[in-house]
């Protein structure tokens, strides 16, 4: 049932035990792009040495224009801007196509690259024409280690290598910078200036890419990183924004209320990641951010010491995710980790809950995961954790109900033996009692709606049990009440507090009273079990209509075996009327009062601790 409910909320469970484990998760390590953000990248700012340009428009649309930075004055792209955008588009694998009209575009491929292609259209640069003018003949794919990619194109009279990637990594392989129509030496002062611009753009929550190029008279005999990605000319920076999902802030807030620590893991620049983390509420007082390079130099014991305070990991490689998961798990936490790439599979397997992206995720990541998000949404993970807690709670309610009822049935038999009384229940009556009380009510508790404070409780932890010490004590007390009420009803049927009359007719009537009291007391106890410590009035008597249906159905069945002549003989019971009926049902109803007393004492004891 829990799996079906999760599927309706865009979370596909691949391994059934993951439903229960989700309920105990206290750390969620999430990717940023597409999970905490909308994955609708839009280029917001272009920078070429000495000039910044704002870009308007939303998403993958050609509607928009280029403006002087900080003003509303439209500008036409000069040679520097055109050269940078041309190189960035040539170095992109994404494609855009028209979706029904001349302005609305549909992106195919990586969202970051799609945003670059859309920005080119706003500047009057068409990707299809570029591909004809400069066809691609080779490429050096993106690698997480070097954080850049390069494509090689044939021009009419030469060859052109186009590189884009993390600005710091691109600058490392550049020796010149394109400025004022010429390529000038890239001095240390210019490098520092470009780094400051990069930091300023990242601080505005922009994801920044550096763009560079190199022309060849002849293509190298071996196209490798060492022969191509060297002595490049730096062209500029492209800043794009992927806004946070509107529901991400509420989901992060719900995590903190539920005692769950959200952690952002991204390949973006540290400043960009921090801006988004602050926007959605992940960065709280005392929280810190760590980069992948810092993580690589950090020994495990140091990571273990600070992992509780780290909320953002920036510029990380896939192998870093494994270290992050291991550090949290060594501290005793239950970790959910998201991933979408082939290289994320080891971290997904290592985590207690591996979560793969259904839209952008690879088949390898999905096969390694316990859960797949069909909408790639962080809020869906939180909803799945909530559902996991509901499932665990309902398992707990059903187990406590069934065990306490069976303790009551065993208790009433043994108490009668110890007191020298006749058997209060016959075997067929015990079987019937189990059938009507262990059947429908227990199933109805399995679909009980969540309690109001469900996502304000702390996670139960890795070693949390369905029956902990406190709940075990309570179910024994409940079982004792069920047994005591049944025994009292039986004794009253025999004549207590007066002389005991165990004549055959009176004994049958007394057993009928005991059966009625125990069956109805267990049905009333099912209402008690809807909340472990909360009052029956607090959880709402009518919040679970299935339980009410089970209560009345089982109650009518019990009345049927007593008052239908043919059936009553089979169960060895007789009609009871008047005082005996009221005594039986009245004693059973006391189970609600007993439940409220036990819960009140438990709340007082917990508050005292």
Foldseek 3Di string as FASTA:
>chain_A
DLQVVLVVLQKHFPDVCVLQLLLQFFEEEAACQLAQFVLQKAFAWWDFVPAIWGWDDGGLWLPIFIHGPPDPHGDADDPLRLVQLLLLLLQAPKDWDDDPDDTDIDIDDRNVSSNSQSSCSNNVHHSVVSCVQWPWDDWADADLVLFKIWTWTDHPQWIKIKMKGDPVSLVVQEQWEQDPNDTHGCDPVNVVVQVVVVLVLLLVLWFKMWIWMDIGSDDDPDDDCVVGSHHIYTRTMTTMHGGGDPCLLVLCVLSVLLNHQYAYEYLTDPSNQVNRCVVSVNQDPQADEEEQVRLVPDDLVVCLVCLVRYRYYYNHDLVVLLSSQVSCVVVQGQYEYEDAELSNLVNQQSHNFYEYEQPRHDPNSVVSGRMYRPSSYNSSSSVSNLSSLLQLLLVLLLVLLLVLLVLLVVLLQVVCVVVVHPGLADPVLVVLLCPLLNPQLSVLSSPADDAPCSSNHYRCGPPRDSQDPLSVVVSPVLSVLLNVLLNVQLQVLQPPPPDGNCPPVSNQASSLLSSLQNSLLSLLVSLLSNDPQDASVRRPPPRRVSSVVSSVVSNVVSVCCAPPVVNVVVRSHYHDDDPSVCSSNVSSNCSSVVSNVSSVVVVVVVVVD
